[in-house]
Amino acid sequence: WEAWLPLRNVGERGYCQKHLGVFDSPLAAAVAFAAAARAMPPPAQGEPKVRLLVDSMRLTIDAAHVGGGMDIVRLFRAAVLEDLQDGHREPLELHTSERSESGFKGVHKSGVNKVGQERWQTQVYYDNQLYHVGHSEAMTECARIFAVCMRLIEQLREAG
């Protein structure tokens, strides 16, 4: 069992989480959460209280609607940042491909870094448009970025 504590507003990124640890039982995780929550200072005057959301991407999706359209790049970046902040906690299946040089769908070479290591980039198609959504020296990290973006696309299609 894991316990996470939501933290105060951190600017444009919204709220972030603090990992409290892994516990042997749900009771132990709840006790750790309660102790950490009691130790937090109260919100500043006028600052909203932290709310836990079942679907934390919902606020990001709502905020990405701009002028009747949607800023999909902003959504991809927010989803990848959230996945990174929570330590890749959710198990995601990586999309393999026999045709890709990396062995992963959406992951392609993008050159080399300053010390000569290969760099990889993540590309995602959405509504017949190609988006570059991440870079890394580790192709598996780019594959994870692709999986996060594909999960977001599924959520967007389900929402209509």
C-alpha atoms as a PDB file:
ATOM      1  CA  TRP A   1       0.000   0.000   0.000  1.00  0.00           C
ATOM      2  CA  GLU A   2       1.264   3.466  -0.890  1.00  0.00           C
ATOM      3  CA  ALA A   3       0.398   6.809   0.663  1.00  0.00           C
ATOM      4  CA  TRP A   4       0.576  10.148  -1.172  1.00  0.00           C
ATOM      5  CA  LEU A   5      -0.065  13.612   0.224  1.00  0.00           C
ATOM      6  CA  PRO A   6      -1.314  16.414  -2.041  1.00  0.00           C
ATOM      7  CA  LEU A   7       0.715  19.592  -1.659  1.00  0.00           C
ATOM      8  CA  ARG A   8      -0.146  23.230  -2.148  1.00  0.00           C
ATOM      9  CA  ASN A   9      -0.313  24.970  -5.489  1.00  0.00           C
ATOM     10  CA  VAL A  10       3.038  24.936  -7.302  1.00  0.00           C
ATOM     11  CA  GLY A  11       2.309  27.468 -10.043  1.00  0.00           C
ATOM     12  CA  GLU A  12       1.159  26.484 -13.519  1.00  0.00           C
ATOM     13  CA  ARG A  13       1.644  22.800 -12.747  1.00  0.00           C
ATOM     14  CA  GLY A  14      -1.239  22.913 -10.262  1.00  0.00           C
ATOM     15  CA  TYR A  15      -0.999  20.643  -7.257  1.00  0.00           C
ATOM     16  CA  CYS A  16       1.708  18.041  -6.829  1.00  0.00           C
ATOM     17  CA  GLN A  17       2.040  15.054  -4.527  1.00  0.00           C
ATOM     18  CA  LYS A  18       4.530  13.939  -1.902  1.00  0.00           C
ATOM     19  CA  HIS A  19       5.204  10.225  -1.661  1.00  0.00           C
ATOM     20  CA  LEU A  20       4.918   9.143   1.985  1.00  0.00           C
ATOM     21  CA  GLY A  21       6.060   5.572   1.487  1.00  0.00           C
ATOM     22  CA  VAL A  22       5.002   1.986   0.907  1.00  0.00           C
ATOM     23  CA  PHE A  23       3.223   0.238   3.774  1.00  0.00           C
ATOM     24  CA  ASP A  24       2.279  -3.324   4.706  1.00  0.00           C
ATOM     25  CA  SER A  25      -1.419  -2.569   5.214  1.00  0.00           C
ATOM     26  CA  PRO A  26      -4.028   0.009   4.261  1.00  0.00           C
ATOM     27  CA  LEU A  27      -4.303   0.968   7.926  1.00  0.00           C
ATOM     28  CA  ALA A  28      -0.581   1.762   8.143  1.00  0.00           C
ATOM     29  CA  ALA A  29      -0.837   3.874   4.955  1.00  0.00           C
ATOM     30  CA  ALA A  30      -3.871   5.727   6.362  1.00  0.00           C
ATOM     31  CA  VAL A  31      -2.070   6.427   9.657  1.00  0.00           C
ATOM     32  CA  ALA A  32       0.942   7.842   7.761  1.00  0.00           C
ATOM     33  CA  PHE A  33      -1.348   9.976   5.597  1.00  0.00           C
ATOM     34  CA  ALA A  34      -3.229  11.336   8.632  1.00  0.00           C
ATOM     35  CA  ALA A  35       0.009  12.184  10.459  1.00  0.00           C
ATOM     36  CA  ALA A  36       1.452  13.980   7.419  1.00  0.00           C
ATOM     37  CA  ALA A  37      -1.806  15.872   6.835  1.00  0.00           C
ATOM     38  CA  ARG A  38      -1.904  17.055  10.461  1.00  0.00           C
ATOM     39  CA  ALA A  39       1.716  18.242  10.198  1.00  0.00           C
ATOM     40  CA  MET A  40       0.974  20.443   7.160  1.00  0.00           C
ATOM     41  CA  PRO A  41       0.560  24.163   7.827  1.00  0.00           C
ATOM     42  CA  PRO A  42      -2.959  25.493   7.248  1.00  0.00           C
ATOM     43  CA  PRO A  43      -3.633  27.149   3.892  1.00  0.00           C
ATOM     44  CA  ALA A  44      -2.739  30.828   3.624  1.00  0.00           C
ATOM     45  CA  GLN A  45      -5.519  33.404   3.767  1.00  0.00           C
ATOM     46  CA  GLY A  46      -7.573  33.102   0.572  1.00  0.00           C
ATOM     47  CA  GLU A  47      -5.755  29.991  -0.657  1.00  0.00           C
ATOM     48  CA  PRO A  48      -8.147  27.185  -1.574  1.00  0.00           C
ATOM     49  CA  LYS A  49      -7.954  23.930   0.343  1.00  0.00           C
ATOM     50  CA  VAL A  50      -6.401  20.988  -1.461  1.00  0.00           C
ATOM     51  CA  ARG A  51      -8.965  18.655  -3.008  1.00  0.00           C
ATOM     52  CA  LEU A  52      -8.227  15.086  -4.034  1.00  0.00           C
ATOM     53  CA  LEU A  53      -9.560  14.263  -7.476  1.00  0.00           C
ATOM     54  CA  VAL A  54     -10.471  10.860  -8.786  1.00  0.00           C
ATOM     55  CA  ASP A  55      -9.434  11.962 -12.276  1.00  0.00           C
ATOM     56  CA  SER A  56      -6.674  14.528 -11.869  1.00  0.00           C
ATOM     57  CA  MET A  57      -6.384  14.995 -15.651  1.00  0.00           C
ATOM     58  CA  ARG A  58      -9.977  16.314 -15.824  1.00  0.00           C
ATOM     59  CA  LEU A  59      -8.888  19.791 -14.641  1.00  0.00           C
ATOM     60  CA  THR A  60      -6.030  19.802 -17.125  1.00  0.00           C
ATOM     61  CA  ILE A  61      -8.359  18.766 -19.948  1.00  0.00           C
ATOM     62  CA  ASP A  62     -10.819  21.508 -19.000  1.00  0.00           C
ATOM     63  CA  ALA A  63      -8.002  24.097 -18.825  1.00  0.00           C
ATOM     64  CA  ALA A  64      -6.649  23.044 -22.240  1.00  0.00           C
ATOM     65  CA  HIS A  65      -9.826  24.136 -24.026  1.00  0.00           C
ATOM     66  CA  VAL A  66      -8.806  27.422 -25.603  1.00  0.00           C
ATOM     67  CA  GLY A  67     -11.093  29.515 -27.802  1.00  0.00           C
ATOM     68  CA  GLY A  68     -13.384  26.589 -28.592  1.00  0.00           C
ATOM     69  CA  GLY A  69     -10.450  24.339 -29.476  1.00  0.00           C
ATOM     70  CA  MET A  70      -8.059  22.265 -27.424  1.00  0.00           C
ATOM     71  CA  ASP A  71      -4.332  22.740 -26.785  1.00  0.00           C
ATOM     72  CA  ILE A  72      -3.360  19.082 -27.189  1.00  0.00           C
ATOM     73  CA  VAL A  73       0.363  19.761 -26.715  1.00  0.00           C
ATOM     74  CA  ARG A  74      -0.414  21.255 -23.297  1.00  0.00           C
ATOM     75  CA  LEU A  75      -2.399  18.119 -22.440  1.00  0.00           C
ATOM     76  CA  PHE A  76       0.376  15.766 -23.529  1.00  0.00           C
ATOM     77  CA  ARG A  77       2.950  17.693 -21.499  1.00  0.00           C
ATOM     78  CA  ALA A  78       0.702  17.771 -18.418  1.00  0.00           C
ATOM     79  CA  ALA A  79       0.050  14.026 -18.623  1.00  0.00           C
ATOM     80  CA  VAL A  80       3.759  13.231 -18.987  1.00  0.00           C
ATOM     81  CA  LEU A  81       4.667  15.595 -16.115  1.00  0.00           C
ATOM     82  CA  GLU A  82       2.020  14.033 -13.863  1.00  0.00           C
ATOM     83  CA  ASP A  83       3.327  10.543 -14.671  1.00  0.00           C
ATOM     84  CA  LEU A  84       6.874  11.661 -13.857  1.00  0.00           C
ATOM     85  CA  GLN A  85       5.828  13.362 -10.594  1.00  0.00           C
ATOM     86  CA  ASP A  86       4.061  10.282  -9.304  1.00  0.00           C
ATOM     87  CA  GLY A  87       7.060   8.088 -10.057  1.00  0.00           C
ATOM     88  CA  HIS A  88       5.565   6.074 -12.941  1.00  0.00           C
ATOM     89  CA  ARG A  89       3.315   4.495 -10.333  1.00  0.00           C
ATOM     90  CA  GLU A  90       0.645   3.259 -12.735  1.00  0.00           C
ATOM     91  CA  PRO A  91       1.529   0.135 -14.695  1.00  0.00           C
ATOM     92  CA  LEU A  92       1.291   0.957 -18.392  1.00  0.00           C
ATOM     93  CA  GLU A  93       1.820  -1.469 -21.229  1.00  0.00           C
ATOM     94  CA  LEU A  94       4.523  -0.257 -23.601  1.00  0.00           C
ATOM     95  CA  HIS A  95       3.525  -0.389 -27.270  1.00  0.00           C
ATOM     96  CA  THR A  96       6.044  -2.576 -29.108  1.00  0.00           C
ATOM     97  CA  SER A  97       6.632  -2.444 -32.848  1.00  0.00           C
ATOM     98  CA  GLU A  98       8.619  -4.739 -35.121  1.00  0.00           C
ATOM     99  CA  ARG A  99       8.914  -1.965 -37.719  1.00  0.00           C
ATOM    100  CA  SER A 100      10.444   0.684 -35.454  1.00  0.00           C
ATOM    101  CA  GLU A 101      14.227   0.839 -35.031  1.00  0.00           C
ATOM    102  CA  SER A 102      13.697   1.200 -31.268  1.00  0.00           C
ATOM    103  CA  GLY A 103      11.298  -1.725 -30.987  1.00  0.00           C
ATOM    104  CA  PHE A 104       8.619   0.638 -29.621  1.00  0.00           C
ATOM    105  CA  LYS A 105       5.799   2.392 -31.426  1.00  0.00           C
ATOM    106  CA  GLY A 106       6.266   6.164 -31.607  1.00  0.00           C
ATOM    107  CA  VAL A 107       9.941   6.088 -30.515  1.00  0.00           C
ATOM    108  CA  HIS A 108      12.564   7.187 -33.058  1.00  0.00           C
ATOM    109  CA  LYS A 109      16.224   8.229 -33.094  1.00  0.00           C
ATOM    110  CA  SER A 110      16.757  11.966 -32.904  1.00  0.00           C
ATOM    111  CA  GLY A 111      20.548  12.166 -32.990  1.00  0.00           C
ATOM    112  CA  VAL A 112      23.216  12.059 -30.298  1.00  0.00           C
ATOM    113  CA  ASN A 113      23.837  14.125 -27.166  1.00  0.00           C
ATOM    114  CA  LYS A 114      27.063  15.977 -26.269  1.00  0.00           C
ATOM    115  CA  VAL A 115      28.766  12.832 -24.955  1.00  0.00           C
ATOM    116  CA  GLY A 116      27.857  10.731 -27.996  1.00  0.00           C
ATOM    117  CA  GLN A 117      24.859   8.828 -26.570  1.00  0.00           C
ATOM    118  CA  GLU A 118      21.928   8.217 -28.881  1.00  0.00           C
ATOM    119  CA  ARG A 119      18.883  10.373 -28.191  1.00  0.00           C
ATOM    120  CA  TRP A 120      15.358   9.196 -28.788  1.00  0.00           C
ATOM    121  CA  GLN A 121      12.193  11.164 -29.365  1.00  0.00           C
ATOM    122  CA  THR A 122       8.548  10.320 -28.824  1.00  0.00           C
ATOM    123  CA  GLN A 123       6.053  11.095 -31.569  1.00  0.00           C
ATOM    124  CA  VAL A 124       2.283  10.757 -31.279  1.00  0.00           C
ATOM    125  CA  TYR A 125      -0.398  11.076 -33.943  1.00  0.00           C
ATOM    126  CA  TYR A 126      -3.647  12.678 -32.849  1.00  0.00           C
ATOM    127  CA  ASP A 127      -6.396  13.769 -35.242  1.00  0.00           C
ATOM    128  CA  ASN A 128      -4.109  13.106 -38.229  1.00  0.00           C
ATOM    129  CA  GLN A 129      -1.414  15.426 -36.921  1.00  0.00           C
ATOM    130  CA  LEU A 130       2.058  14.460 -35.660  1.00  0.00           C
ATOM    131  CA  TYR A 131       3.214  15.790 -32.283  1.00  0.00           C
ATOM    132  CA  HIS A 132       6.715  15.578 -30.805  1.00  0.00           C
ATOM    133  CA  VAL A 133       6.082  15.031 -27.096  1.00  0.00           C
ATOM    134  CA  GLY A 134       9.402  14.075 -25.515  1.00  0.00           C
ATOM    135  CA  HIS A 135      13.116  13.251 -25.752  1.00  0.00           C
ATOM    136  CA  SER A 136      15.388  10.960 -23.748  1.00  0.00           C
ATOM    137  CA  GLU A 137      18.595   8.983 -23.935  1.00  0.00           C
ATOM    138  CA  ALA A 138      16.572   5.938 -22.824  1.00  0.00           C
ATOM    139  CA  MET A 139      14.255   4.537 -25.458  1.00  0.00           C
ATOM    140  CA  THR A 140      12.169   2.871 -22.726  1.00  0.00           C
ATOM    141  CA  GLU A 141      11.519   6.306 -21.201  1.00  0.00           C
ATOM    142  CA  CYS A 142      10.258   7.503 -24.581  1.00  0.00           C
ATOM    143  CA  ALA A 143       8.110   4.370 -24.821  1.00  0.00           C
ATOM    144  CA  ARG A 144       6.618   5.253 -21.427  1.00  0.00           C
ATOM    145  CA  ILE A 145       5.872   8.797 -22.671  1.00  0.00           C
ATOM    146  CA  PHE A 146       4.115   7.293 -25.696  1.00  0.00           C
ATOM    147  CA  ALA A 147       2.033   5.013 -23.451  1.00  0.00           C
ATOM    148  CA  VAL A 148       1.021   7.966 -21.243  1.00  0.00           C
ATOM    149  CA  CYS A 149      -0.056   9.973 -24.297  1.00  0.00           C
ATOM    150  CA  MET A 150      -2.010   7.026 -25.710  1.00  0.00           C
ATOM    151  CA  ARG A 151      -3.839   6.636 -22.394  1.00  0.00           C
ATOM    152  CA  LEU A 152      -4.728  10.345 -22.547  1.00  0.00           C
ATOM    153  CA  ILE A 153      -5.993   9.989 -26.124  1.00  0.00           C
ATOM    154  CA  GLU A 154      -8.209   7.090 -25.006  1.00  0.00           C
ATOM    155  CA  GLN A 155      -9.612   9.273 -22.208  1.00  0.00           C
ATOM    156  CA  LEU A 156     -10.305  12.105 -24.648  1.00  0.00           C
ATOM    157  CA  ARG A 157     -12.117   9.778 -27.056  1.00  0.00           C
ATOM    158  CA  GLU A 158     -14.196   8.279 -24.246  1.00  0.00           C
ATOM    159  CA  ALA A 159     -15.159  11.772 -23.077  1.00  0.00           C
ATOM    160  CA  GLY A 160     -16.259  12.695 -26.585  1.00  0.00           C
END
